[in-house]
PDB file of N, CA and C in Angstrom:
ATOM      1  N   UNK A   1     108.093  89.142 122.042  1.00  0.00           N
ATOM      2  CA  UNK A   1     108.336  90.337 121.273  1.00  0.00           C
ATOM      3  C   UNK A   1     107.452  91.291 122.102  1.00  0.00           C
ATOM      4  N   UNK A   2     107.945  92.298 122.708  1.00  0.00           N
ATOM      5  CA  UNK A   2     107.051  93.467 123.002  1.00  0.00           C
ATOM      6  C   UNK A   2     106.680  94.595 122.581  1.00  0.00           C
ATOM      7  N   UNK A   3     107.781  94.915 121.207  1.00  0.00           N
ATOM      8  CA  UNK A   3     107.659  95.728 120.066  1.00  0.00           C
ATOM      9  C   UNK A   3     107.298  95.036 118.600  1.00  0.00           C
ATOM     10  N   UNK A   4     106.299  95.886 118.042  1.00  0.00           N
ATOM     11  CA  UNK A   4     106.008  95.284 116.889  1.00  0.00           C
ATOM     12  C   UNK A   4     105.734  96.660 115.852  1.00  0.00           C
ATOM     13  N   UNK A   5     106.320  96.381 114.525  1.00  0.00           N
ATOM     14  CA  UNK A   5     106.194  97.644 113.734  1.00  0.00           C
ATOM     15  C   UNK A   5     105.399  97.202 112.426  1.00  0.00           C
ATOM     16  N   UNK A   6     104.485  97.820 112.119  1.00  0.00           N
ATOM     17  CA  UNK A   6     103.712  97.443 111.033  1.00  0.00           C
ATOM     18  C   UNK A   6     103.574  98.858 110.054  1.00  0.00           C
ATOM     19  N   UNK A   7     103.389  98.454 108.829  1.00  0.00           N
ATOM     20  CA  UNK A   7     103.371  99.639 107.757  1.00  0.00           C
ATOM     21  C   UNK A   7     102.659  99.205 106.631  1.00  0.00           C
ATOM     22  N   UNK A   8     102.344 100.203 105.746  1.00  0.00           N
ATOM     23  CA  UNK A   8     101.670 100.242 104.523  1.00  0.00           C
ATOM     24  C   UNK A   8     101.854 101.235 103.535  1.00  0.00           C
ATOM     25  N   UNK A   9     101.960 101.209 102.439  1.00  0.00           N
ATOM     26  CA  UNK A   9     102.740 101.694 101.323  1.00  0.00           C
ATOM     27  C   UNK A   9     101.534 102.708 100.525  1.00  0.00           C
ATOM     28  N   UNK A  10     101.564 103.688 100.101  1.00  0.00           N
ATOM     29  CA  UNK A  10     100.758 104.313  98.978  1.00  0.00           C
ATOM     30  C   UNK A  10      99.114 104.574  99.798  1.00  0.00           C
ATOM     31  N   UNK A  11      98.515 103.345  99.739  1.00  0.00           N
ATOM     32  CA  UNK A  11      97.081 103.249 100.101  1.00  0.00           C
ATOM     33  C   UNK A  11      96.917 102.498 101.439  1.00  0.00           C
ATOM     34  N   UNK A  12      96.077 103.533 102.602  1.00  0.00           N
ATOM     35  CA  UNK A  12      96.416 102.874 103.932  1.00  0.00           C
ATOM     36  C   UNK A  12      94.713 102.626 103.953  1.00  0.00           C
ATOM     37  N   UNK A  13      94.212 102.788 103.129  1.00  0.00           N
ATOM     38  CA  UNK A  13      92.498 102.528 103.144  1.00  0.00           C
ATOM     39  C   UNK A  13      92.114 101.188 103.153  1.00  0.00           C
ATOM     40  N   UNK A  14      92.898 100.272 102.102  1.00  0.00           N
ATOM     41  CA  UNK A  14      93.029  98.953 101.682  1.00  0.00           C
ATOM     42  C   UNK A  14      94.040  97.795 102.173  1.00  0.00           C
ATOM     43  N   UNK A  15      94.818  98.367 102.400  1.00  0.00           N
ATOM     44  CA  UNK A  15      96.263  97.261 102.389  1.00  0.00           C
ATOM     45  C   UNK A  15      96.803  97.222 101.475  1.00  0.00           C
ATOM     46  N   UNK A  16      97.864  96.127 100.921  1.00  0.00           N
ATOM     47  CA  UNK A  16      98.052  95.184 102.153  1.00  0.00           C
ATOM     48  C   UNK A  16      99.238  96.151 103.330  1.00  0.00           C
ATOM     49  N   UNK A  17      99.176  95.251 104.461  1.00  0.00           N
ATOM     50  CA  UNK A  17      99.443  95.838 105.541  1.00  0.00           C
ATOM     51  C   UNK A  17     100.721  94.661 105.992  1.00  0.00           C
ATOM     52  N   UNK A  18     102.193  95.672 105.940  1.00  0.00           N
ATOM     53  CA  UNK A  18     103.127  94.579 106.264  1.00  0.00           C
ATOM     54  C   UNK A  18     103.101  94.442 107.725  1.00  0.00           C
ATOM     55  N   UNK A  19     103.286  93.421 108.255  1.00  0.00           N
ATOM     56  CA  UNK A  19     103.400  92.973 109.719  1.00  0.00           C
ATOM     57  C   UNK A  19     104.128  92.572 110.481  1.00  0.00           C
ATOM     58  N   UNK A  20     105.092  92.082 109.848  1.00  0.00           N
ATOM     59  CA  UNK A  20     106.244  91.661 110.683  1.00  0.00           C
ATOM     60  C   UNK A  20     107.473  90.933 109.453  1.00  0.00           C
ATOM     61  N   UNK A  21     108.624  91.141 110.088  1.00  0.00           N
ATOM     62  CA  UNK A  21     109.972  90.326 109.228  1.00  0.00           C
ATOM     63  C   UNK A  21     109.986  88.779 109.581  1.00  0.00           C
ATOM     64  N   UNK A  22     110.912  88.210 109.139  1.00  0.00           N
ATOM     65  CA  UNK A  22     111.738  86.941 108.919  1.00  0.00           C
ATOM     66  C   UNK A  22     111.542  86.679 110.725  1.00  0.00           C
ATOM     67  N   UNK A  23     111.590  87.206 111.781  1.00  0.00           N
ATOM     68  CA  UNK A  23     111.726  86.964 112.980  1.00  0.00           C
ATOM     69  C   UNK A  23     110.812  87.331 113.890  1.00  0.00           C
ATOM     70  N   UNK A  24     109.566  87.494 113.191  1.00  0.00           N
ATOM     71  CA  UNK A  24     108.636  87.681 114.079  1.00  0.00           C
ATOM     72  C   UNK A  24     107.901  86.636 114.820  1.00  0.00           C
ATOM     73  N   UNK A  25     107.080  86.592 115.498  1.00  0.00           N
ATOM     74  CA  UNK A  25     106.277  85.691 116.538  1.00  0.00           C
ATOM     75  C   UNK A  25     105.385  84.854 115.295  1.00  0.00           C
ATOM     76  N   UNK A  26     105.867  83.699 115.325  1.00  0.00           N
ATOM     77  CA  UNK A  26     105.088  82.681 114.276  1.00  0.00           C
ATOM     78  C   UNK A  26     103.329  82.779 114.664  1.00  0.00           C
ATOM     79  N   UNK A  27     103.398  82.516 116.000  1.00  0.00           N
ATOM     80  CA  UNK A  27     101.920  82.712 116.636  1.00  0.00           C
ATOM     81  C   UNK A  27     100.990  83.969 116.542  1.00  0.00           C
ATOM     82  N   UNK A  28     101.815  85.118 116.426  1.00  0.00           N
ATOM     83  CA  UNK A  28     100.678  85.985 116.372  1.00  0.00           C
ATOM     84  C   UNK A  28     100.619  86.279 114.637  1.00  0.00           C
ATOM     85  N   UNK A  29     101.733  86.104 113.897  1.00  0.00           N
ATOM     86  CA  UNK A  29     101.746  86.094 112.413  1.00  0.00           C
ATOM     87  C   UNK A  29     100.699  85.102 111.854  1.00  0.00           C
ATOM     88  N   UNK A  30     100.068  83.755 112.792  1.00  0.00           N
ATOM     89  CA  UNK A  30      98.972  83.068 112.131  1.00  0.00           C
ATOM     90  C   UNK A  30      97.938  83.679 112.753  1.00  0.00           C
ATOM     91  N   UNK A  31      97.886  84.356 114.021  1.00  0.00           N
ATOM     92  CA  UNK A  31      96.584  85.092 114.463  1.00  0.00           C
ATOM     93  C   UNK A  31      96.018  86.120 113.508  1.00  0.00           C
ATOM     94  N   UNK A  32      97.160  86.744 112.817  1.00  0.00           N
ATOM     95  CA  UNK A  32      96.846  87.855 111.897  1.00  0.00           C
ATOM     96  C   UNK A  32      96.328  87.282 110.605  1.00  0.00           C
ATOM     97  N   UNK A  33      96.662  86.043 110.191  1.00  0.00           N
ATOM     98  CA  UNK A  33      96.505  85.530 109.180  1.00  0.00           C
ATOM     99  C   UNK A  33      97.395  85.856 107.850  1.00  0.00           C
ATOM    100  N   UNK A  34      98.489  86.365 108.490  1.00  0.00           N
ATOM    101  CA  UNK A  34      99.769  86.722 107.762  1.00  0.00           C
ATOM    102  C   UNK A  34     100.529  85.513 106.583  1.00  0.00           C
ATOM    103  N   UNK A  35     100.590  86.032 105.529  1.00  0.00           N
ATOM    104  CA  UNK A  35     101.585  85.282 104.679  1.00  0.00           C
ATOM    105  C   UNK A  35     102.874  86.047 104.517  1.00  0.00           C
ATOM    106  N   UNK A  36     103.901  84.529 104.539  1.00  0.00           N
ATOM    107  CA  UNK A  36     105.440  85.201 104.384  1.00  0.00           C
ATOM    108  C   UNK A  36     105.692  85.291 102.683  1.00  0.00           C
ATOM    109  N   UNK A  37     106.366  86.692 102.230  1.00  0.00           N
ATOM    110  CA  UNK A  37     106.740  86.666 100.916  1.00  0.00           C
ATOM    111  C   UNK A  37     108.009  87.121 100.964  1.00  0.00           C
ATOM    112  N   UNK A  38     108.817  87.125  99.869  1.00  0.00           N
ATOM    113  CA  UNK A  38     110.038  87.926  99.555  1.00  0.00           C
ATOM    114  C   UNK A  38     109.856  88.208  98.317  1.00  0.00           C
ATOM    115  N   UNK A  39     109.792  90.003  98.079  1.00  0.00           N
ATOM    116  CA  UNK A  39     109.945  90.449  96.937  1.00  0.00           C
ATOM    117  C   UNK A  39     111.060  90.433  96.319  1.00  0.00           C
ATOM    118  N   UNK A  40     110.945  90.748  94.655  1.00  0.00           N
ATOM    119  CA  UNK A  40     112.126  90.455  94.041  1.00  0.00           C
ATOM    120  C   UNK A  40     112.786  91.498  94.525  1.00  0.00           C
ATOM    121  N   UNK A  41     114.359  91.385  94.340  1.00  0.00           N
ATOM    122  CA  UNK A  41     115.311  92.207  94.807  1.00  0.00           C
ATOM    123  C   UNK A  41     115.558  92.255  96.131  1.00  0.00           C
ATOM    124  N   UNK A  42     114.809  91.989  96.763  1.00  0.00           N
ATOM    125  CA  UNK A  42     115.196  91.998  98.611  1.00  0.00           C
ATOM    126  C   UNK A  42     115.732  90.683  98.931  1.00  0.00           C
ATOM    127  N   UNK A  43     116.590  91.036  99.855  1.00  0.00           N
ATOM    128  CA  UNK A  43     117.332  89.365 100.330  1.00  0.00           C
ATOM    129  C   UNK A  43     116.846  89.328 101.901  1.00  0.00           C
ATOM    130  N   UNK A  44     115.489  89.930 101.735  1.00  0.00           N
ATOM    131  CA  UNK A  44     114.588  89.278 103.398  1.00  0.00           C
ATOM    132  C   UNK A  44     113.482  89.272 102.901  1.00  0.00           C
ATOM    133  N   UNK A  45     112.489  88.423 104.012  1.00  0.00           N
ATOM    134  CA  UNK A  45     111.043  88.143 103.686  1.00  0.00           C
ATOM    135  C   UNK A  45     110.414  88.923 104.564  1.00  0.00           C
ATOM    136  N   UNK A  46     109.041  89.076 104.427  1.00  0.00           N
ATOM    137  CA  UNK A  46     108.408  90.000 105.384  1.00  0.00           C
ATOM    138  C   UNK A  46     106.868  88.974 105.449  1.00  0.00           C
ATOM    139  N   UNK A  47     106.310  89.454 106.528  1.00  0.00           N
ATOM    140  CA  UNK A  47     104.999  88.922 106.491  1.00  0.00           C
ATOM    141  C   UNK A  47     103.741  90.116 106.080  1.00  0.00           C
ATOM    142  N   UNK A  48     102.784  89.763 105.567  1.00  0.00           N
ATOM    143  CA  UNK A  48     101.830  90.830 105.327  1.00  0.00           C
ATOM    144  C   UNK A  48     100.438  89.910 105.116  1.00  0.00           C
ATOM    145  N   UNK A  49      99.322  91.191 105.357  1.00  0.00           N
ATOM    146  CA  UNK A  49      98.022  90.743 105.384  1.00  0.00           C
ATOM    147  C   UNK A  49      97.354  91.476 104.232  1.00  0.00           C
ATOM    148  N   UNK A  50      96.109  91.242 103.701  1.00  0.00           N
ATOM    149  CA  UNK A  50      95.179  91.825 102.841  1.00  0.00           C
ATOM    150  C   UNK A  50      94.454  93.038 103.687  1.00  0.00           C
ATOM    151  N   UNK A  51      94.610  93.026 104.774  1.00  0.00           N
ATOM    152  CA  UNK A  51      93.630  93.822 105.463  1.00  0.00           C
ATOM    153  C   UNK A  51      94.335  95.242 105.719  1.00  0.00           C
ATOM    154  N   UNK A  52      93.556  96.211 105.774  1.00  0.00           N
ATOM    155  CA  UNK A  52      93.811  97.628 105.683  1.00  0.00           C
ATOM    156  C   UNK A  52      94.266  97.989 107.195  1.00  0.00           C
ATOM    157  N   UNK A  53      95.460  98.825 107.305  1.00  0.00           N
ATOM    158  CA  UNK A  53      96.136  98.764 108.760  1.00  0.00           C
ATOM    159  C   UNK A  53      95.150  99.065 110.011  1.00  0.00           C
ATOM    160  N   UNK A  54      93.949  99.960 109.562  1.00  0.00           N
ATOM    161  CA  UNK A  54      93.045  99.997 110.779  1.00  0.00           C
ATOM    162  C   UNK A  54      92.411  98.763 111.301  1.00  0.00           C
ATOM    163  N   UNK A  55      92.208  97.615 110.275  1.00  0.00           N
ATOM    164  CA  UNK A  55      91.593  96.519 110.651  1.00  0.00           C
ATOM    165  C   UNK A  55      93.144  95.587 111.554  1.00  0.00           C
ATOM    166  N   UNK A  56      94.364  95.956 111.129  1.00  0.00           N
ATOM    167  CA  UNK A  56      95.234  95.228 112.144  1.00  0.00           C
ATOM    168  C   UNK A  56      95.484  95.598 113.486  1.00  0.00           C
ATOM    169  N   UNK A  57      95.459  96.935 112.969  1.00  0.00           N
ATOM    170  CA  UNK A  57      95.744  97.828 114.522  1.00  0.00           C
ATOM    171  C   UNK A  57      94.375  97.294 115.773  1.00  0.00           C
ATOM    172  N   UNK A  58      93.229  97.110 115.015  1.00  0.00           N
ATOM    173  CA  UNK A  58      92.125  96.682 115.953  1.00  0.00           C
ATOM    174  C   UNK A  58      92.447  95.410 116.460  1.00  0.00           C
ATOM    175  N   UNK A  59      92.670  94.411 115.659  1.00  0.00           N
ATOM    176  CA  UNK A  59      93.073  93.065 116.136  1.00  0.00           C
ATOM    177  C   UNK A  59      94.230  93.367 117.326  1.00  0.00           C
ATOM    178  N   UNK A  60      95.170  93.846 116.667  1.00  0.00           N
ATOM    179  CA  UNK A  60      96.450  93.828 117.913  1.00  0.00           C
ATOM    180  C   UNK A  60      96.121  94.473 119.020  1.00  0.00           C
ATOM    181  N   UNK A  61      95.267  95.567 119.155  1.00  0.00           N
ATOM    182  CA  UNK A  61      94.869  96.547 120.318  1.00  0.00           C
ATOM    183  C   UNK A  61      93.992  94.970 120.992  1.00  0.00           C
ATOM    184  N   UNK A  62      93.398  94.474 120.865  1.00  0.00           N
ATOM    185  CA  UNK A  62      92.730  93.325 121.203  1.00  0.00           C
ATOM    186  C   UNK A  62      93.617  92.153 122.210  1.00  0.00           C
ATOM    187  N   UNK A  63      94.639  91.967 121.333  1.00  0.00           N
ATOM    188  CA  UNK A  63      96.254  91.304 122.176  1.00  0.00           C
ATOM    189  C   UNK A  63      96.753  91.940 122.842  1.00  0.00           C
ATOM    190  N   UNK A  64      96.400  93.532 123.322  1.00  0.00           N
ATOM    191  CA  UNK A  64      97.627  93.754 124.225  1.00  0.00           C
ATOM    192  C   UNK A  64      98.242  94.625 123.703  1.00  0.00           C
ATOM    193  N   UNK A  65      98.273  95.208 122.351  1.00  0.00           N
ATOM    194  CA  UNK A  65      99.266  95.848 122.087  1.00  0.00           C
ATOM    195  C   UNK A  65      98.810  97.565 121.996  1.00  0.00           C
ATOM    196  N   UNK A  66      99.477  98.613 122.220  1.00  0.00           N
ATOM    197  CA  UNK A  66      99.320  99.788 121.912  1.00  0.00           C
ATOM    198  C   UNK A  66     100.160 100.435 121.011  1.00  0.00           C
ATOM    199  N   UNK A  67      99.808 101.389 120.421  1.00  0.00           N
ATOM    200  CA  UNK A  67     100.741 102.405 119.496  1.00  0.00           C
ATOM    201  C   UNK A  67     101.290 103.237 120.374  1.00  0.00           C
ATOM    202  N   UNK A  68     102.468 103.290 120.210  1.00  0.00           N
ATOM    203  CA  UNK A  68     103.366 104.087 120.924  1.00  0.00           C
ATOM    204  C   UNK A  68     104.187 105.295 119.815  1.00  0.00           C
ATOM    205  N   UNK A  69     103.806 105.188 118.696  1.00  0.00           N
ATOM    206  CA  UNK A  69     104.613 105.784 117.936  1.00  0.00           C
ATOM    207  C   UNK A  69     104.010 106.060 116.180  1.00  0.00           C
ATOM    208  N   UNK A  70     103.533 106.891 115.460  1.00  0.00           N
ATOM    209  CA  UNK A  70     103.264 106.693 114.196  1.00  0.00           C
ATOM    210  C   UNK A  70     104.294 107.526 113.329  1.00  0.00           C
ATOM    211  N   UNK A  71     104.633 107.314 111.919  1.00  0.00           N
ATOM    212  CA  UNK A  71     105.357 108.588 111.029  1.00  0.00           C
ATOM    213  C   UNK A  71     104.868 107.816 109.838  1.00  0.00           C
ATOM    214  N   UNK A  72     105.315 108.745 109.064  1.00  0.00           N
ATOM    215  CA  UNK A  72     105.189 108.755 107.352  1.00  0.00           C
ATOM    216  C   UNK A  72     106.788 108.700 107.057  1.00  0.00           C
ATOM    217  N   UNK A  73     107.135 107.917 106.089  1.00  0.00           N
ATOM    218  CA  UNK A  73     108.302 108.163 105.216  1.00  0.00           C
ATOM    219  C   UNK A  73     108.050 108.020 103.969  1.00  0.00           C
ATOM    220  N   UNK A  74     108.594 109.066 102.981  1.00  0.00           N
ATOM    221  CA  UNK A  74     107.943 108.837 101.790  1.00  0.00           C
ATOM    222  C   UNK A  74     106.550 108.657 101.304  1.00  0.00           C
ATOM    223  N   UNK A  75     106.074 107.865 100.951  1.00  0.00           N
ATOM    224  CA  UNK A  75     104.777 107.116 100.503  1.00  0.00           C
ATOM    225  C   UNK A  75     104.363 105.780 101.731  1.00  0.00           C
ATOM    226  N   UNK A  76     105.195 105.602 102.702  1.00  0.00           N
ATOM    227  CA  UNK A  76     105.078 104.795 103.748  1.00  0.00           C
ATOM    228  C   UNK A  76     104.664 105.311 104.835  1.00  0.00           C
ATOM    229  N   UNK A  77     103.471 104.781 105.841  1.00  0.00           N
ATOM    230  CA  UNK A  77     103.327 104.861 106.870  1.00  0.00           C
ATOM    231  C   UNK A  77     103.727 103.826 107.851  1.00  0.00           C
ATOM    232  N   UNK A  78     104.239 104.025 109.078  1.00  0.00           N
ATOM    233  CA  UNK A  78     104.996 103.278 110.149  1.00  0.00           C
ATOM    234  C   UNK A  78     104.142 103.546 111.367  1.00  0.00           C
ATOM    235  N   UNK A  79     103.517 102.292 111.735  1.00  0.00           N
ATOM    236  CA  UNK A  79     103.632 102.504 113.646  1.00  0.00           C
ATOM    237  C   UNK A  79     104.080 101.328 114.232  1.00  0.00           C
ATOM    238  N   UNK A  80     104.854 102.016 115.457  1.00  0.00           N
ATOM    239  CA  UNK A  80     105.412 101.223 116.505  1.00  0.00           C
ATOM    240  C   UNK A  80     104.461 100.865 117.697  1.00  0.00           C
ATOM    241  N   UNK A  81     104.166  99.151 117.824  1.00  0.00           N
ATOM    242  CA  UNK A  81     103.391  99.009 118.929  1.00  0.00           C
ATOM    243  C   UNK A  81     104.222  98.833 120.279  1.00  0.00           C
ATOM    244  N   UNK A  82     103.727  98.641 121.262  1.00  0.00           N
ATOM    245  CA  UNK A  82     104.349  97.626 122.187  1.00  0.00           C
ATOM    246  C   UNK A  82     103.254  96.941 123.046  1.00  0.00           C
ATOM    247  N   UNK A  83     103.775  95.813 123.588  1.00  0.00           N
ATOM    248  CA  UNK A  83     102.763  95.242 124.303  1.00  0.00           C
ATOM    249  C   UNK A  83     103.306  94.869 125.814  1.00  0.00           C
ATOM    250  N   UNK A  84     102.662  95.353 127.019  1.00  0.00           N
ATOM    251  CA  UNK A  84     103.189  95.289 128.424  1.00  0.00           C
ATOM    252  C   UNK A  84     103.147  93.810 128.706  1.00  0.00           C
TER     253      UNK A  84
END
């Protein structure tokens, strides 16, 4: 998967950071130390880590990912990354 979305809500200084969905690369999720969870009321699962987004972005840069876009949506921040 060359594209990856990560996001955080409200507080980006401390995490948690959402790093994947149900179809994310299991090897990459294990490398990030991500845990799969399903929030009440949602019919989908997501992977998250307790790390702040900056820490996650540093780890992903080491794996060859580069940020190609970033935006804020309400109280959520979203980064789109791409790996060559």
